[in-house]
Amino acid sequence: MSMPHELSDDISIDSDSDSQESESTSHSFFTRSQRYSSPAVPISVALDPFRAPLPSVEEMNSQINRLRMTVDLMQKELIRVTAQFAASKARCAMMRTTAEANAELDQEKPKSRQAIKTDSRYVTLATTRAQWAAEQGDEQAQKRADDAALYAIRKEMRERVFSDPLSSYRRKRELIAICRALGLNTPGTIRELVSRIKSHLSSHPELQQNPRFARLFVQNRRRRAHNVNC
């Protein structure tokens, strides 16, 4: 009969321990829930930012204009900086090219300098002024002769009348004169000059009406027949 009493005591002890454990668990949970829970915020306070008055249309337009002005200023500054960078880049390229050219010139061998004839000694020394004057006179005389020869050549090109057939002109200087009168190139052999003149006369038949060149179109046999009849 004693065993049931002891068993009941054990059961009561276990029930007491279970109740204490449940109380401690509930207390710890309540403590943790209080620790992590945030304080309650009134709804009126939470909605205050949404109750602020919106800016007017004028204020918004003014702000947009300020932003546009800022963007324009930044774009102008960007253009200025870009141009400055391009100019600096071009200047650096020019400096590099100049340096390379100077380096190449430094590497080249110096050329021998030739004596340059000057007239200072003739002007400063009285004993050689006469010689200088004679040399200057000779140079001027030669220049006048060259000018006269050139004038004669030009006059011949403008006014000379070629009274014989082309086949009668066999000397090179005569053929050169015909080429000059016709405005043709003068370099070449006699055969080349004759061929050049014939080609020009064939392509310009209107020159038969020009008294200066009409006789060039005449053949030798016609000239011989003309001499026999005379």
C-alpha atoms as a PDB file:
ATOM      1  CA  MET A   1       0.000   0.000   0.000  1.00  0.00           C
ATOM      2  CA  SER A   2       2.987   2.262   0.354  1.00  0.00           C
ATOM      3  CA  MET A   3       3.965   2.088  -3.315  1.00  0.00           C
ATOM      4  CA  PRO A   4       0.979   3.965  -4.650  1.00  0.00           C
ATOM      5  CA  HIS A   5       1.666   6.743  -2.215  1.00  0.00           C
ATOM      6  CA  GLU A   6       5.215   7.027  -3.366  1.00  0.00           C
ATOM      7  CA  LEU A   7       4.100   6.991  -6.986  1.00  0.00           C
ATOM      8  CA  SER A   8       1.654   9.775  -6.343  1.00  0.00           C
ATOM      9  CA  ASP A   9       4.364  11.822  -4.720  1.00  0.00           C
ATOM     10  CA  ASP A  10       6.549  11.343  -7.755  1.00  0.00           C
ATOM     11  CA  ILE A  11       3.758  12.359 -10.069  1.00  0.00           C
ATOM     12  CA  SER A  12       3.093  15.502  -8.068  1.00  0.00           C
ATOM     13  CA  ILE A  13       6.752  16.383  -8.162  1.00  0.00           C
ATOM     14  CA  ASP A  14       6.832  15.920 -11.924  1.00  0.00           C
ATOM     15  CA  SER A  15       3.752  18.033 -12.407  1.00  0.00           C
ATOM     16  CA  ASP A  16       5.271  20.812 -10.339  1.00  0.00           C
ATOM     17  CA  SER A  17       8.452  20.750 -12.409  1.00  0.00           C
ATOM     18  CA  ASP A  18       6.457  20.814 -15.641  1.00  0.00           C
ATOM     19  CA  SER A  19       4.481  23.819 -14.506  1.00  0.00           C
ATOM     20  CA  GLN A  20       7.625  25.657 -13.517  1.00  0.00           C
ATOM     21  CA  GLU A  21       9.242  24.859 -16.887  1.00  0.00           C
ATOM     22  CA  SER A  22       6.185  26.087 -18.787  1.00  0.00           C
ATOM     23  CA  GLU A  23       6.135  29.295 -16.763  1.00  0.00           C
ATOM     24  CA  SER A  24       9.815  29.931 -17.457  1.00  0.00           C
ATOM     25  CA  THR A  25       9.318  29.227 -21.177  1.00  0.00           C
ATOM     26  CA  SER A  26       6.373  31.575 -21.405  1.00  0.00           C
ATOM     27  CA  HIS A  27       8.296  34.248 -19.510  1.00  0.00           C
ATOM     28  CA  SER A  28      11.311  33.978 -21.816  1.00  0.00           C
ATOM     29  CA  PHE A  29       9.101  34.139 -24.928  1.00  0.00           C
ATOM     30  CA  PHE A  30       7.323  37.179 -23.585  1.00  0.00           C
ATOM     31  CA  THR A  31      10.652  38.789 -22.824  1.00  0.00           C
ATOM     32  CA  ARG A  32      11.979  38.098 -26.358  1.00  0.00           C
ATOM     33  CA  SER A  33       8.787  39.392 -27.936  1.00  0.00           C
ATOM     34  CA  GLN A  34       9.079  42.611 -25.972  1.00  0.00           C
ATOM     35  CA  ARG A  35      12.779  42.889 -26.924  1.00  0.00           C
ATOM     36  CA  TYR A  36      12.182  42.608 -30.724  1.00  0.00           C
ATOM     37  CA  SER A  37       8.862  44.377 -30.994  1.00  0.00           C
ATOM     38  CA  SER A  38       8.974  48.020 -32.202  1.00  0.00           C
ATOM     39  CA  PRO A  39       7.018  50.706 -30.439  1.00  0.00           C
ATOM     40  CA  ALA A  40       3.702  51.466 -32.000  1.00  0.00           C
ATOM     41  CA  VAL A  41       3.607  54.627 -34.264  1.00  0.00           C
ATOM     42  CA  PRO A  42       0.367  56.530 -34.592  1.00  0.00           C
ATOM     43  CA  ILE A  43      -1.108  56.513 -38.090  1.00  0.00           C
ATOM     44  CA  SER A  44      -1.459  60.290 -38.099  1.00  0.00           C
ATOM     45  CA  VAL A  45       2.272  60.687 -37.570  1.00  0.00           C
ATOM     46  CA  ALA A  46       3.103  58.125 -40.273  1.00  0.00           C
ATOM     47  CA  LEU A  47       0.940  59.966 -42.833  1.00  0.00           C
ATOM     48  CA  ASP A  48       2.415  63.407 -42.134  1.00  0.00           C
ATOM     49  CA  PRO A  49       4.916  63.318 -45.091  1.00  0.00           C
ATOM     50  CA  PHE A  50       2.081  62.588 -47.514  1.00  0.00           C
ATOM     51  CA  ARG A  51       0.057  65.478 -46.185  1.00  0.00           C
ATOM     52  CA  ALA A  52       2.727  68.098 -47.166  1.00  0.00           C
ATOM     53  CA  PRO A  53       1.480  70.532 -49.842  1.00  0.00           C
ATOM     54  CA  LEU A  54       2.708  69.881 -53.420  1.00  0.00           C
ATOM     55  CA  PRO A  55       4.757  72.633 -55.186  1.00  0.00           C
ATOM     56  CA  SER A  56       2.863  74.856 -57.539  1.00  0.00           C
ATOM     57  CA  VAL A  57       3.211  74.753 -61.320  1.00  0.00           C
ATOM     58  CA  GLU A  58       5.262  77.964 -61.301  1.00  0.00           C
ATOM     59  CA  GLU A  59       7.694  76.521 -58.791  1.00  0.00           C
ATOM     60  CA  MET A  60       8.071  73.327 -60.793  1.00  0.00           C
ATOM     61  CA  ASN A  61       8.650  75.298 -64.015  1.00  0.00           C
ATOM     62  CA  SER A  62      11.211  77.449 -62.261  1.00  0.00           C
ATOM     63  CA  GLN A  63      13.039  74.388 -61.003  1.00  0.00           C
ATOM     64  CA  ILE A  64      12.965  72.837 -64.492  1.00  0.00           C
ATOM     65  CA  ASN A  65      14.409  76.027 -65.977  1.00  0.00           C
ATOM     66  CA  ARG A  66      17.203  76.041 -63.411  1.00  0.00           C
ATOM     67  CA  LEU A  67      18.008  72.439 -64.274  1.00  0.00           C
ATOM     68  CA  ARG A  68      18.047  73.272 -67.986  1.00  0.00           C
ATOM     69  CA  MET A  69      20.408  76.187 -67.396  1.00  0.00           C
ATOM     70  CA  THR A  70      22.689  73.917 -65.414  1.00  0.00           C
ATOM     71  CA  VAL A  71      22.688  71.342 -68.229  1.00  0.00           C
ATOM     72  CA  ASP A  72      23.468  74.049 -70.815  1.00  0.00           C
ATOM     73  CA  LEU A  73      26.373  75.338 -68.760  1.00  0.00           C
ATOM     74  CA  MET A  74      27.751  71.839 -68.371  1.00  0.00           C
ATOM     75  CA  GLN A  75      27.454  71.209 -72.130  1.00  0.00           C
ATOM     76  CA  LYS A  76      29.282  74.461 -72.923  1.00  0.00           C
ATOM     77  CA  GLU A  77      31.991  73.586 -70.463  1.00  0.00           C
ATOM     78  CA  LEU A  78      32.298  70.147 -72.051  1.00  0.00           C
ATOM     79  CA  ILE A  79      32.671  71.706 -75.510  1.00  0.00           C
ATOM     80  CA  ARG A  80      35.323  74.112 -74.238  1.00  0.00           C
ATOM     81  CA  VAL A  81      37.303  71.360 -72.549  1.00  0.00           C
ATOM     82  CA  THR A  82      37.040  69.149 -75.648  1.00  0.00           C
ATOM     83  CA  ALA A  83      38.329  71.945 -77.895  1.00  0.00           C
ATOM     84  CA  GLN A  84      41.150  72.699 -75.502  1.00  0.00           C
ATOM     85  CA  PHE A  85      42.102  69.035 -75.453  1.00  0.00           C
ATOM     86  CA  ALA A  86      42.099  68.851 -79.266  1.00  0.00           C
ATOM     87  CA  ALA A  87      44.276  71.977 -79.484  1.00  0.00           C
ATOM     88  CA  SER A  88      46.708  70.579 -76.960  1.00  0.00           C
ATOM     89  CA  LYS A  89      46.852  67.298 -78.864  1.00  0.00           C
ATOM     90  CA  ALA A  90      47.574  69.096 -82.152  1.00  0.00           C
ATOM     91  CA  ARG A  91      50.241  71.231 -80.483  1.00  0.00           C
ATOM     92  CA  CYS A  92      51.915  68.135 -79.100  1.00  0.00           C
ATOM     93  CA  ALA A  93      51.865  66.514 -82.550  1.00  0.00           C
ATOM     94  CA  MET A  94      53.487  69.602 -84.092  1.00  0.00           C
ATOM     95  CA  MET A  95      56.137  69.692 -81.413  1.00  0.00           C
ATOM     96  CA  ARG A  96      56.858  66.004 -81.939  1.00  0.00           C
ATOM     97  CA  THR A  97      57.145  66.501 -85.710  1.00  0.00           C
ATOM     98  CA  THR A  98      59.462  69.467 -85.233  1.00  0.00           C
ATOM     99  CA  ALA A  99      61.633  67.510 -82.839  1.00  0.00           C
ATOM    100  CA  GLU A 100      61.876  64.602 -85.284  1.00  0.00           C
ATOM    101  CA  ALA A 101      62.811  66.951 -88.131  1.00  0.00           C
ATOM    102  CA  ASN A 102      65.479  68.614 -86.007  1.00  0.00           C
ATOM    103  CA  ALA A 103      66.855  65.208 -85.070  1.00  0.00           C
ATOM    104  CA  GLU A 104      67.069  64.219 -88.745  1.00  0.00           C
ATOM    105  CA  LEU A 105      68.838  67.476 -89.575  1.00  0.00           C
ATOM    106  CA  ASP A 106      71.310  66.904 -86.776  1.00  0.00           C
ATOM    107  CA  GLN A 107      72.099  63.442 -88.129  1.00  0.00           C
ATOM    108  CA  GLU A 108      72.819  64.712 -91.640  1.00  0.00           C
ATOM    109  CA  LYS A 109      76.398  65.511 -92.547  1.00  0.00           C
ATOM    110  CA  PRO A 110      77.170  69.205 -92.928  1.00  0.00           C
ATOM    111  CA  LYS A 111      77.461  70.200 -96.555  1.00  0.00           C
ATOM    112  CA  SER A 112      80.520  71.982 -97.808  1.00  0.00           C
ATOM    113  CA  ARG A 113      79.925  75.663 -98.061  1.00  0.00           C
ATOM    114  CA  GLN A 114      80.696  77.303-101.350  1.00  0.00           C
ATOM    115  CA  ALA A 115      82.075  80.764-101.572  1.00  0.00           C
ATOM    116  CA  ILE A 116      79.461  83.325-102.506  1.00  0.00           C
ATOM    117  CA  LYS A 117      80.512  86.080-104.806  1.00  0.00           C
ATOM    118  CA  THR A 118      79.661  89.473-103.437  1.00  0.00           C
ATOM    119  CA  ASP A 119      80.088  92.952-104.786  1.00  0.00           C
ATOM    120  CA  SER A 120      81.170  94.478-101.499  1.00  0.00           C
ATOM    121  CA  ARG A 121      84.863  94.448-102.398  1.00  0.00           C
ATOM    122  CA  TYR A 122      84.131  96.288-105.619  1.00  0.00           C
ATOM    123  CA  VAL A 123      82.129  98.908-103.819  1.00  0.00           C
ATOM    124  CA  THR A 124      84.469  99.398-100.875  1.00  0.00           C
ATOM    125  CA  LEU A 125      87.844  99.269-102.668  1.00  0.00           C
ATOM    126  CA  ALA A 126      88.502 102.206-104.940  1.00  0.00           C
ATOM    127  CA  THR A 127      91.083 100.285-106.998  1.00  0.00           C
ATOM    128  CA  THR A 128      88.543  97.708-108.151  1.00  0.00           C
ATOM    129  CA  ARG A 129      85.541  99.928-108.791  1.00  0.00           C
ATOM    130  CA  ALA A 130      86.444 100.258-112.460  1.00  0.00           C
ATOM    131  CA  GLN A 131      86.606  96.487-112.839  1.00  0.00           C
ATOM    132  CA  TRP A 132      83.269  96.111-111.125  1.00  0.00           C
ATOM    133  CA  ALA A 133      81.734  98.738-113.405  1.00  0.00           C
ATOM    134  CA  ALA A 134      83.113  96.947-116.478  1.00  0.00           C
ATOM    135  CA  GLU A 135      81.682  93.639-115.319  1.00  0.00           C
ATOM    136  CA  GLN A 136      78.339  95.220-114.637  1.00  0.00           C
ATOM    137  CA  GLY A 137      78.411  96.835-118.058  1.00  0.00           C
ATOM    138  CA  ASP A 138      79.168  93.518-119.738  1.00  0.00           C
ATOM    139  CA  GLU A 139      76.319  91.844-117.898  1.00  0.00           C
ATOM    140  CA  GLN A 140      73.906  94.575-118.877  1.00  0.00           C
ATOM    141  CA  ALA A 141      75.077  94.419-122.496  1.00  0.00           C
ATOM    142  CA  GLN A 142      74.566  90.663-122.553  1.00  0.00           C
ATOM    143  CA  LYS A 143      71.105  91.088-121.060  1.00  0.00           C
ATOM    144  CA  ARG A 144      70.214  93.636-123.736  1.00  0.00           C
ATOM    145  CA  ALA A 145      71.445  91.273-126.448  1.00  0.00           C
ATOM    146  CA  ASP A 146      69.388  88.424-125.049  1.00  0.00           C
ATOM    147  CA  ASP A 147      66.321  90.628-124.868  1.00  0.00           C
ATOM    148  CA  ALA A 148      66.831  91.721-128.470  1.00  0.00           C
ATOM    149  CA  ALA A 149      67.177  88.132-129.663  1.00  0.00           C
ATOM    150  CA  LEU A 150      64.052  87.122-127.773  1.00  0.00           C
ATOM    151  CA  TYR A 151      62.166  90.058-129.254  1.00  0.00           C
ATOM    152  CA  ALA A 152      63.276  89.049-132.762  1.00  0.00           C
ATOM    153  CA  ILE A 153      62.129  85.486-132.196  1.00  0.00           C
ATOM    154  CA  ARG A 154      58.736  86.628-130.951  1.00  0.00           C
ATOM    155  CA  LYS A 155      58.383  89.036-133.847  1.00  0.00           C
ATOM    156  CA  GLU A 156      59.222  86.256-136.291  1.00  0.00           C
ATOM    157  CA  MET A 157      56.637  84.023-134.655  1.00  0.00           C
ATOM    158  CA  ARG A 158      54.001  86.735-135.079  1.00  0.00           C
ATOM    159  CA  GLU A 159      54.850  88.154-138.507  1.00  0.00           C
ATOM    160  CA  ARG A 160      56.982  85.788-140.594  1.00  0.00           C
ATOM    161  CA  VAL A 161      55.374  84.569-143.794  1.00  0.00           C
ATOM    162  CA  PHE A 162      56.400  81.085-144.912  1.00  0.00           C
ATOM    163  CA  SER A 163      56.404  81.442-148.715  1.00  0.00           C
ATOM    164  CA  ASP A 164      57.637  77.941-149.617  1.00  0.00           C
ATOM    165  CA  PRO A 165      56.107  74.463-149.301  1.00  0.00           C
ATOM    166  CA  LEU A 166      56.830  72.545-146.152  1.00  0.00           C
ATOM    167  CA  SER A 167      59.053  70.082-148.004  1.00  0.00           C
ATOM    168  CA  SER A 168      61.402  72.948-148.896  1.00  0.00           C
ATOM    169  CA  TYR A 169      62.333  73.543-145.263  1.00  0.00           C
ATOM    170  CA  ARG A 170      64.995  70.985-144.417  1.00  0.00           C
ATOM    171  CA  ARG A 171      67.089  72.750-141.816  1.00  0.00           C
ATOM    172  CA  LYS A 172      66.250  72.209-138.207  1.00  0.00           C
ATOM    173  CA  ARG A 173      66.236  75.872-137.240  1.00  0.00           C
ATOM    174  CA  GLU A 174      63.726  76.589-140.032  1.00  0.00           C
ATOM    175  CA  LEU A 175      61.457  73.804-138.850  1.00  0.00           C
ATOM    176  CA  ILE A 176      61.776  75.099-135.293  1.00  0.00           C
ATOM    177  CA  ALA A 177      60.670  78.525-136.539  1.00  0.00           C
ATOM    178  CA  ILE A 178      57.589  76.973-138.161  1.00  0.00           C
ATOM    179  CA  CYS A 179      56.800  75.088-134.952  1.00  0.00           C
ATOM    180  CA  ARG A 180      57.094  78.267-132.920  1.00  0.00           C
ATOM    181  CA  ALA A 181      54.839  80.132-135.320  1.00  0.00           C
ATOM    182  CA  LEU A 182      52.250  77.371-135.062  1.00  0.00           C
ATOM    183  CA  GLY A 183      52.595  77.156-131.281  1.00  0.00           C
ATOM    184  CA  LEU A 184      54.049  73.638-131.299  1.00  0.00           C
ATOM    185  CA  ASN A 185      56.760  72.070-129.187  1.00  0.00           C
ATOM    186  CA  THR A 186      60.262  72.483-130.597  1.00  0.00           C
ATOM    187  CA  PRO A 187      62.286  69.591-129.064  1.00  0.00           C
ATOM    188  CA  GLY A 188      62.955  66.612-131.343  1.00  0.00           C
ATOM    189  CA  THR A 189      64.713  65.497-134.493  1.00  0.00           C
ATOM    190  CA  ILE A 190      64.082  66.890-137.987  1.00  0.00           C
ATOM    191  CA  ARG A 191      61.796  63.984-138.837  1.00  0.00           C
ATOM    192  CA  GLU A 192      59.825  64.462-135.636  1.00  0.00           C
ATOM    193  CA  LEU A 193      59.442  68.175-136.294  1.00  0.00           C
ATOM    194  CA  VAL A 194      58.205  67.579-139.848  1.00  0.00           C
ATOM    195  CA  SER A 195      55.730  64.956-138.645  1.00  0.00           C
ATOM    196  CA  ARG A 196      54.497  67.304-135.940  1.00  0.00           C
ATOM    197  CA  ILE A 197      53.969  70.147-138.420  1.00  0.00           C
ATOM    198  CA  LYS A 198      52.169  67.919-140.949  1.00  0.00           C
ATOM    199  CA  SER A 199      49.852  66.571-138.293  1.00  0.00           C
ATOM    200  CA  HIS A 200      49.007  70.092-137.158  1.00  0.00           C
ATOM    201  CA  LEU A 201      48.340  71.309-140.710  1.00  0.00           C
ATOM    202  CA  SER A 202      46.122  68.295-141.407  1.00  0.00           C
ATOM    203  CA  SER A 203      44.031  68.934-138.315  1.00  0.00           C
ATOM    204  CA  HIS A 204      43.773  72.696-139.050  1.00  0.00           C
ATOM    205  CA  PRO A 205      42.816  73.106-142.732  1.00  0.00           C
ATOM    206  CA  GLU A 206      41.622  76.641-142.016  1.00  0.00           C
ATOM    207  CA  LEU A 207      45.283  77.698-142.005  1.00  0.00           C
ATOM    208  CA  GLN A 208      45.163  77.524-145.817  1.00  0.00           C
ATOM    209  CA  GLN A 209      43.316  80.827-145.668  1.00  0.00           C
ATOM    210  CA  ASN A 210      46.093  82.386-143.590  1.00  0.00           C
ATOM    211  CA  PRO A 211      48.680  84.106-145.830  1.00  0.00           C
ATOM    212  CA  ARG A 212      51.466  83.196-143.424  1.00  0.00           C
ATOM    213  CA  PHE A 213      50.917  79.436-143.701  1.00  0.00           C
ATOM    214  CA  ALA A 214      49.057  78.979-147.008  1.00  0.00           C
ATOM    215  CA  ARG A 215      52.195  78.068-148.967  1.00  0.00           C
ATOM    216  CA  LEU A 216      53.053  75.285-146.519  1.00  0.00           C
ATOM    217  CA  PHE A 217      50.150  73.272-147.940  1.00  0.00           C
ATOM    218  CA  VAL A 218      51.548  73.443-151.506  1.00  0.00           C
ATOM    219  CA  GLN A 219      53.308  70.360-152.892  1.00  0.00           C
ATOM    220  CA  ASN A 220      56.721  70.458-154.576  1.00  0.00           C
ATOM    221  CA  ARG A 221      55.399  69.422-157.959  1.00  0.00           C
ATOM    222  CA  ARG A 222      53.080  72.368-158.028  1.00  0.00           C
ATOM    223  CA  ARG A 223      56.004  74.614-157.159  1.00  0.00           C
ATOM    224  CA  ARG A 224      58.108  73.079-159.978  1.00  0.00           C
ATOM    225  CA  ALA A 225      55.262  73.498-162.438  1.00  0.00           C
ATOM    226  CA  HIS A 226      54.905  77.094-161.382  1.00  0.00           C
ATOM    227  CA  ASN A 227      58.627  77.685-162.015  1.00  0.00           C
ATOM    228  CA  VAL A 228      58.437  76.072-165.496  1.00  0.00           C
ATOM    229  CA  ASN A 229      55.500  78.218-166.511  1.00  0.00           C
ATOM    230  CA  CYS A 230      57.404  81.272-165.404  1.00  0.00           C
END
